[in-house]
Amino acid sequence: MEYQVVKVKEDILVENNEKAKEVRKMLKEKGIFFLNVMASPGSGKTTLLTNIINKLKKKYKIGVMEADIDGEVDAERISSATGVKSIQIHTSGACHLTAQMVNDAINEFNVEGLDILILENIGNLVCPAEFDTGSNINMMLLSVPEGDDKPLKYPLMFQVSDIAVITKIDTLPVFNFDFKKCEANIHKRNPNAKVFKVSSIKDEGTDELADYLDSLFSYR
């Protein structure tokens, strides 16, 4: 009996990577820097982005794409808290965004005139890491309550992220979280990852992160 092995996932990723190259090229031609932000639900993505955007919006024209399975809460929150243009992407149950989905959202969004495009990806430490969105930089968030062992449990997320931000450091007295151990675990997965620690609520460490992002954006 004859049979054929079909590598579906491999084919999907190859196709996605080609589309991601197209997205990256298109945005580069428009002079737009594309930042992809990934993290678990509840890690503080929207709160941190609100803080950072408010620090940088006088210098750059920023647009935000919020991805969720359903609802418009985050897009509304970003827009009302920062005044920047935002759009909500519904994935209809998918746990990740493909480059094609990002491309479609960009076309709907009308990014003309933007300096910075930020994607707040689906809250998940697994699926979003597998798909290149066409971004220039991947930034992931890990909150203190999640634990310092996550780089060992979810290696791909840390391998593909250029920036790792430890959030909610104001909760350190409550949780058994070893920052030095966590940073060492991150660098086991990605020696080149830039690590920051912040508290968005208390505005600690956010200036340093904003300054670093500013340095990247300046060379878009």
C-alpha atoms as a PDB file:
ATOM      1  CA  MET A   1       0.000   0.000   0.000  1.00  0.00           C
ATOM      2  CA  GLU A   2       1.409   3.367  -1.008  1.00  0.00           C
ATOM      3  CA  TYR A   3       1.262   6.336   1.320  1.00  0.00           C
ATOM      4  CA  GLN A   4       2.612   9.858   1.514  1.00  0.00           C
ATOM      5  CA  VAL A   5       3.743  11.835   4.523  1.00  0.00           C
ATOM      6  CA  VAL A   6       2.498  15.421   4.372  1.00  0.00           C
ATOM      7  CA  LYS A   7       4.366  17.899   6.540  1.00  0.00           C
ATOM      8  CA  VAL A   8       1.452  20.283   6.996  1.00  0.00           C
ATOM      9  CA  LYS A   9       2.923  22.441   9.748  1.00  0.00           C
ATOM     10  CA  GLU A  10       6.235  22.810   7.911  1.00  0.00           C
ATOM     11  CA  ASP A  11       4.437  23.900   4.740  1.00  0.00           C
ATOM     12  CA  ILE A  12       2.297  26.371   6.697  1.00  0.00           C
ATOM     13  CA  LEU A  13       5.356  27.937   8.340  1.00  0.00           C
ATOM     14  CA  VAL A  14       7.228  28.217   5.035  1.00  0.00           C
ATOM     15  CA  GLU A  15       4.259  29.991   3.482  1.00  0.00           C
ATOM     16  CA  ASN A  16       3.901  32.205   6.559  1.00  0.00           C
ATOM     17  CA  ASN A  17       7.576  33.171   6.507  1.00  0.00           C
ATOM     18  CA  GLU A  18       7.327  34.268   2.876  1.00  0.00           C
ATOM     19  CA  LYS A  19       4.326  36.448   3.669  1.00  0.00           C
ATOM     20  CA  ALA A  20       6.176  37.854   6.709  1.00  0.00           C
ATOM     21  CA  LYS A  21       9.017  38.938   4.417  1.00  0.00           C
ATOM     22  CA  GLU A  22       6.481  40.763   2.245  1.00  0.00           C
ATOM     23  CA  VAL A  23       4.982  42.520   5.278  1.00  0.00           C
ATOM     24  CA  ARG A  24       8.438  43.530   6.527  1.00  0.00           C
ATOM     25  CA  LYS A  25       9.438  44.881   3.124  1.00  0.00           C
ATOM     26  CA  MET A  26       6.183  46.792   2.705  1.00  0.00           C
ATOM     27  CA  LEU A  27       6.485  48.484   6.098  1.00  0.00           C
ATOM     28  CA  LYS A  28      10.150  49.278   5.554  1.00  0.00           C
ATOM     29  CA  GLU A  29       9.267  51.044   2.310  1.00  0.00           C
ATOM     30  CA  LYS A  30       6.753  53.135   4.263  1.00  0.00           C
ATOM     31  CA  GLY A  31       9.340  53.934   6.945  1.00  0.00           C
ATOM     32  CA  ILE A  32       7.344  52.137   9.654  1.00  0.00           C
ATOM     33  CA  PHE A  33       8.962  50.219  12.521  1.00  0.00           C
ATOM     34  CA  PHE A  34       6.917  47.158  13.519  1.00  0.00           C
ATOM     35  CA  LEU A  35       7.037  45.909  17.135  1.00  0.00           C
ATOM     36  CA  ASN A  36       5.382  42.582  18.018  1.00  0.00           C
ATOM     37  CA  VAL A  37       4.523  42.151  21.728  1.00  0.00           C
ATOM     38  CA  MET A  38       3.826  38.672  23.119  1.00  0.00           C
ATOM     39  CA  ALA A  39       2.996  37.371  26.596  1.00  0.00           C
ATOM     40  CA  SER A  40       0.573  35.323  28.690  1.00  0.00           C
ATOM     41  CA  PRO A  41      -2.888  36.694  29.471  1.00  0.00           C
ATOM     42  CA  GLY A  42      -2.725  38.996  32.489  1.00  0.00           C
ATOM     43  CA  SER A  43       1.002  39.677  32.241  1.00  0.00           C
ATOM     44  CA  GLY A  44       0.390  43.404  31.834  1.00  0.00           C
ATOM     45  CA  LYS A  45       0.829  43.898  28.067  1.00  0.00           C
ATOM     46  CA  THR A  46      -1.807  46.598  27.639  1.00  0.00           C
ATOM     47  CA  THR A  47      -0.834  48.444  30.821  1.00  0.00           C
ATOM     48  CA  LEU A  48       2.835  48.509  29.853  1.00  0.00           C
ATOM     49  CA  LEU A  49       2.077  49.571  26.282  1.00  0.00           C
ATOM     50  CA  THR A  50      -0.095  52.407  27.566  1.00  0.00           C
ATOM     51  CA  ASN A  51       2.779  53.591  29.749  1.00  0.00           C
ATOM     52  CA  ILE A  52       5.406  53.335  26.993  1.00  0.00           C
ATOM     53  CA  ILE A  53       3.218  54.899  24.288  1.00  0.00           C
ATOM     54  CA  ASN A  54       2.490  57.909  26.485  1.00  0.00           C
ATOM     55  CA  LYS A  55       6.240  58.412  26.896  1.00  0.00           C
ATOM     56  CA  LEU A  56       6.952  58.237  23.154  1.00  0.00           C
ATOM     57  CA  LYS A  57       3.864  59.584  21.381  1.00  0.00           C
ATOM     58  CA  LYS A  58       5.132  63.179  21.244  1.00  0.00           C
ATOM     59  CA  LYS A  59       8.120  62.018  19.192  1.00  0.00           C
ATOM     60  CA  TYR A  60       6.469  59.347  17.024  1.00  0.00           C
ATOM     61  CA  LYS A  61       3.133  58.787  15.348  1.00  0.00           C
ATOM     62  CA  ILE A  62       2.096  55.407  16.754  1.00  0.00           C
ATOM     63  CA  GLY A  63      -0.609  52.923  15.774  1.00  0.00           C
ATOM     64  CA  VAL A  64      -1.628  49.824  17.744  1.00  0.00           C
ATOM     65  CA  MET A  65      -3.204  46.566  16.585  1.00  0.00           C
ATOM     66  CA  GLU A  66      -4.805  44.571  19.415  1.00  0.00           C
ATOM     67  CA  ALA A  67      -5.335  40.844  18.835  1.00  0.00           C
ATOM     68  CA  ASP A  68      -7.853  38.821  20.839  1.00  0.00           C
ATOM     69  CA  ILE A  69     -10.162  35.870  20.266  1.00  0.00           C
ATOM     70  CA  ASP A  70     -13.073  38.246  20.856  1.00  0.00           C
ATOM     71  CA  GLY A  71     -13.931  41.602  22.413  1.00  0.00           C
ATOM     72  CA  GLU A  72     -12.728  45.178  21.892  1.00  0.00           C
ATOM     73  CA  VAL A  73     -11.652  45.980  25.453  1.00  0.00           C
ATOM     74  CA  ASP A  74      -7.917  46.380  24.817  1.00  0.00           C
ATOM     75  CA  ALA A  75      -8.258  48.496  21.659  1.00  0.00           C
ATOM     76  CA  GLU A  76     -10.694  50.801  23.444  1.00  0.00           C
ATOM     77  CA  ARG A  77      -8.422  50.982  26.479  1.00  0.00           C
ATOM     78  CA  ILE A  78      -5.318  51.847  24.436  1.00  0.00           C
ATOM     79  CA  SER A  79      -7.175  54.464  22.428  1.00  0.00           C
ATOM     80  CA  SER A  80      -8.765  56.176  25.435  1.00  0.00           C
ATOM     81  CA  ALA A  81      -5.611  56.055  27.591  1.00  0.00           C
ATOM     82  CA  THR A  82      -3.139  57.255  24.946  1.00  0.00           C
ATOM     83  CA  GLY A  83      -5.128  58.925  22.172  1.00  0.00           C
ATOM     84  CA  VAL A  84      -3.298  56.928  19.494  1.00  0.00           C
ATOM     85  CA  LYS A  85      -5.045  55.132  16.651  1.00  0.00           C
ATOM     86  CA  SER A  86      -5.913  51.499  17.422  1.00  0.00           C
ATOM     87  CA  ILE A  87      -7.672  48.592  15.773  1.00  0.00           C
ATOM     88  CA  GLN A  88      -8.965  45.288  17.183  1.00  0.00           C
ATOM     89  CA  ILE A  89      -8.172  42.018  15.417  1.00  0.00           C
ATOM     90  CA  HIS A  90     -10.493  39.080  16.163  1.00  0.00           C
ATOM     91  CA  THR A  91      -8.937  35.671  15.534  1.00  0.00           C
ATOM     92  CA  SER A  92     -12.209  33.711  15.803  1.00  0.00           C
ATOM     93  CA  GLY A  93     -10.699  31.163  18.166  1.00  0.00           C
ATOM     94  CA  ALA A  94      -7.157  30.964  16.747  1.00  0.00           C
ATOM     95  CA  CYS A  95      -4.382  31.099  19.352  1.00  0.00           C
ATOM     96  CA  HIS A  96      -1.985  33.012  17.112  1.00  0.00           C
ATOM     97  CA  LEU A  97      -1.721  35.506  14.269  1.00  0.00           C
ATOM     98  CA  THR A  98      -0.263  34.553  10.915  1.00  0.00           C
ATOM     99  CA  ALA A  99       1.576  37.001   8.690  1.00  0.00           C
ATOM    100  CA  GLN A 100      -1.398  36.927   6.313  1.00  0.00           C
ATOM    101  CA  MET A 101      -3.746  37.941   9.142  1.00  0.00           C
ATOM    102  CA  VAL A 102      -1.369  40.750  10.051  1.00  0.00           C
ATOM    103  CA  ASN A 103      -1.175  41.839   6.418  1.00  0.00           C
ATOM    104  CA  ASP A 104      -4.977  41.935   6.170  1.00  0.00           C
ATOM    105  CA  ALA A 105      -5.223  43.947   9.394  1.00  0.00           C
ATOM    106  CA  ILE A 106      -2.606  46.436   8.168  1.00  0.00           C
ATOM    107  CA  ASN A 107      -4.589  46.959   4.981  1.00  0.00           C
ATOM    108  CA  GLU A 108      -7.744  47.602   7.018  1.00  0.00           C
ATOM    109  CA  PHE A 109      -5.917  49.850   9.478  1.00  0.00           C
ATOM    110  CA  ASN A 110      -4.420  52.242   6.916  1.00  0.00           C
ATOM    111  CA  VAL A 111      -0.952  52.716   8.374  1.00  0.00           C
ATOM    112  CA  GLU A 112       0.043  55.592   6.099  1.00  0.00           C
ATOM    113  CA  GLY A 113       1.882  58.264   8.055  1.00  0.00           C
ATOM    114  CA  LEU A 114       2.724  56.068  11.039  1.00  0.00           C
ATOM    115  CA  ASP A 115       6.258  55.900  12.427  1.00  0.00           C
ATOM    116  CA  ILE A 116       5.641  52.952  14.739  1.00  0.00           C
ATOM    117  CA  LEU A 117       3.196  50.051  14.440  1.00  0.00           C
ATOM    118  CA  ILE A 118       2.714  47.944  17.567  1.00  0.00           C
ATOM    119  CA  LEU A 119       0.989  44.564  17.596  1.00  0.00           C
ATOM    120  CA  GLU A 120      -0.252  43.267  20.938  1.00  0.00           C
ATOM    121  CA  ASN A 121      -0.400  39.588  20.039  1.00  0.00           C
ATOM    122  CA  ILE A 122      -2.715  36.910  21.457  1.00  0.00           C
ATOM    123  CA  GLY A 123      -2.094  36.131  25.130  1.00  0.00           C
ATOM    124  CA  ASN A 124      -0.179  32.857  24.868  1.00  0.00           C
ATOM    125  CA  LEU A 125       3.426  31.735  25.467  1.00  0.00           C
ATOM    126  CA  VAL A 126       3.339  29.011  22.811  1.00  0.00           C
ATOM    127  CA  CYS A 127       1.550  29.585  19.486  1.00  0.00           C
ATOM    128  CA  PRO A 128       2.473  33.249  18.780  1.00  0.00           C
ATOM    129  CA  ALA A 129       6.170  32.367  19.002  1.00  0.00           C
ATOM    130  CA  GLU A 130       5.853  29.941  16.088  1.00  0.00           C
ATOM    131  CA  PHE A 131       4.655  32.504  13.537  1.00  0.00           C
ATOM    132  CA  ASP A 132       6.748  35.330  12.123  1.00  0.00           C
ATOM    133  CA  THR A 133       4.426  38.345  11.893  1.00  0.00           C
ATOM    134  CA  GLY A 134       6.770  40.452   9.774  1.00  0.00           C
ATOM    135  CA  SER A 135       7.889  42.494  12.776  1.00  0.00           C
ATOM    136  CA  ASN A 136      11.273  44.177  13.129  1.00  0.00           C
ATOM    137  CA  ILE A 137      11.495  43.308  16.810  1.00  0.00           C
ATOM    138  CA  ASN A 138       9.770  40.780  19.075  1.00  0.00           C
ATOM    139  CA  MET A 139       9.248  41.810  22.688  1.00  0.00           C
ATOM    140  CA  MET A 140       7.869  39.381  25.244  1.00  0.00           C
ATOM    141  CA  LEU A 141       6.609  39.999  28.771  1.00  0.00           C
ATOM    142  CA  LEU A 142       6.895  37.673  31.755  1.00  0.00           C
ATOM    143  CA  SER A 143       5.193  38.721  34.976  1.00  0.00           C
ATOM    144  CA  VAL A 144       6.614  37.933  38.394  1.00  0.00           C
ATOM    145  CA  PRO A 145       3.546  35.868  39.442  1.00  0.00           C
ATOM    146  CA  GLU A 146       4.185  33.480  36.504  1.00  0.00           C
ATOM    147  CA  GLY A 147       7.500  32.321  37.965  1.00  0.00           C
ATOM    148  CA  ASP A 148      11.178  32.470  37.026  1.00  0.00           C
ATOM    149  CA  ASP A 149      11.160  29.013  35.410  1.00  0.00           C
ATOM    150  CA  LYS A 150       9.102  29.947  32.336  1.00  0.00           C
ATOM    151  CA  PRO A 151      12.133  30.348  30.025  1.00  0.00           C
ATOM    152  CA  LEU A 152      12.845  26.666  30.647  1.00  0.00           C
ATOM    153  CA  LYS A 153       9.245  25.582  30.034  1.00  0.00           C
ATOM    154  CA  TYR A 154       8.494  27.739  26.977  1.00  0.00           C
ATOM    155  CA  PRO A 155      11.869  27.945  25.209  1.00  0.00           C
ATOM    156  CA  LEU A 156      10.747  29.081  21.755  1.00  0.00           C
ATOM    157  CA  MET A 157       9.090  32.244  23.051  1.00  0.00           C
ATOM    158  CA  PHE A 158      12.366  33.360  24.599  1.00  0.00           C
ATOM    159  CA  GLN A 159      14.443  32.211  21.641  1.00  0.00           C
ATOM    160  CA  VAL A 160      12.524  34.388  19.173  1.00  0.00           C
ATOM    161  CA  SER A 161      12.222  37.459  21.431  1.00  0.00           C
ATOM    162  CA  ASP A 162      14.778  40.244  21.138  1.00  0.00           C
ATOM    163  CA  ILE A 163      13.530  41.883  24.337  1.00  0.00           C
ATOM    164  CA  ALA A 164      12.306  40.172  27.514  1.00  0.00           C
ATOM    165  CA  VAL A 165      10.514  42.353  30.032  1.00  0.00           C
ATOM    166  CA  ILE A 166       9.914  41.135  33.564  1.00  0.00           C
ATOM    167  CA  THR A 167       6.702  42.879  34.643  1.00  0.00           C
ATOM    168  CA  LYS A 168       4.935  43.458  37.975  1.00  0.00           C
ATOM    169  CA  ILE A 169       8.191  43.689  39.935  1.00  0.00           C
ATOM    170  CA  ASP A 170       6.250  45.494  42.655  1.00  0.00           C
ATOM    171  CA  THR A 171       4.887  42.033  43.578  1.00  0.00           C
ATOM    172  CA  LEU A 172       8.347  40.549  44.231  1.00  0.00           C
ATOM    173  CA  PRO A 173       7.869  40.539  48.036  1.00  0.00           C
ATOM    174  CA  VAL A 174       4.810  38.300  47.625  1.00  0.00           C
ATOM    175  CA  PHE A 175       6.149  35.715  45.177  1.00  0.00           C
ATOM    176  CA  ASN A 176       9.132  33.386  45.199  1.00  0.00           C
ATOM    177  CA  PHE A 177      10.775  34.883  42.116  1.00  0.00           C
ATOM    178  CA  ASP A 178      14.536  34.995  41.609  1.00  0.00           C
ATOM    179  CA  PHE A 179      15.361  37.693  39.060  1.00  0.00           C
ATOM    180  CA  LYS A 180      18.987  36.603  38.607  1.00  0.00           C
ATOM    181  CA  LYS A 181      17.900  33.014  38.014  1.00  0.00           C
ATOM    182  CA  CYS A 182      15.226  34.139  35.558  1.00  0.00           C
ATOM    183  CA  GLU A 183      17.681  36.293  33.618  1.00  0.00           C
ATOM    184  CA  ALA A 184      20.138  33.391  33.490  1.00  0.00           C
ATOM    185  CA  ASN A 185      17.361  31.111  32.209  1.00  0.00           C
ATOM    186  CA  ILE A 186      16.434  33.662  29.537  1.00  0.00           C
ATOM    187  CA  HIS A 187      20.036  33.885  28.366  1.00  0.00           C
ATOM    188  CA  LYS A 188      20.261  30.107  28.187  1.00  0.00           C
ATOM    189  CA  ARG A 189      17.584  30.333  25.509  1.00  0.00           C
ATOM    190  CA  ASN A 190      18.743  33.571  23.925  1.00  0.00           C
ATOM    191  CA  PRO A 191      22.146  35.007  24.901  1.00  0.00           C
ATOM    192  CA  ASN A 192      21.404  38.208  22.987  1.00  0.00           C
ATOM    193  CA  ALA A 193      18.050  38.989  24.583  1.00  0.00           C
ATOM    194  CA  LYS A 194      17.860  42.393  26.246  1.00  0.00           C
ATOM    195  CA  VAL A 195      16.245  42.015  29.690  1.00  0.00           C
ATOM    196  CA  PHE A 196      14.323  44.729  31.535  1.00  0.00           C
ATOM    197  CA  LYS A 197      12.368  44.680  34.780  1.00  0.00           C
ATOM    198  CA  VAL A 198       9.439  47.029  35.240  1.00  0.00           C
ATOM    199  CA  SER A 199       6.407  47.927  37.283  1.00  0.00           C
ATOM    200  CA  SER A 200       3.937  49.718  35.043  1.00  0.00           C
ATOM    201  CA  ILE A 201       1.687  50.615  37.975  1.00  0.00           C
ATOM    202  CA  LYS A 202       4.504  52.260  39.930  1.00  0.00           C
ATOM    203  CA  ASP A 203       6.283  53.475  36.772  1.00  0.00           C
ATOM    204  CA  GLU A 204       9.533  51.733  37.714  1.00  0.00           C
ATOM    205  CA  GLY A 205      11.961  50.718  34.965  1.00  0.00           C
ATOM    206  CA  THR A 206       9.657  52.004  32.240  1.00  0.00           C
ATOM    207  CA  ASP A 207      11.863  54.988  31.369  1.00  0.00           C
ATOM    208  CA  GLU A 208      14.777  52.655  30.657  1.00  0.00           C
ATOM    209  CA  LEU A 209      12.608  50.461  28.432  1.00  0.00           C
ATOM    210  CA  ALA A 210      11.133  53.474  26.623  1.00  0.00           C
ATOM    211  CA  ASP A 211      14.618  54.879  26.033  1.00  0.00           C
ATOM    212  CA  TYR A 212      15.817  51.576  24.601  1.00  0.00           C
ATOM    213  CA  LEU A 213      12.819  51.305  22.276  1.00  0.00           C
ATOM    214  CA  ASP A 214      13.384  54.924  21.260  1.00  0.00           C
ATOM    215  CA  SER A 215      16.953  54.044  20.271  1.00  0.00           C
ATOM    216  CA  LEU A 216      15.619  51.241  18.043  1.00  0.00           C
ATOM    217  CA  PHE A 217      12.844  53.348  16.533  1.00  0.00           C
ATOM    218  CA  SER A 218      15.292  56.154  15.675  1.00  0.00           C
ATOM    219  CA  TYR A 219      17.029  53.873  13.169  1.00  0.00           C
ATOM    220  CA  ARG A 220      13.900  52.591  11.449  1.00  0.00           C
END
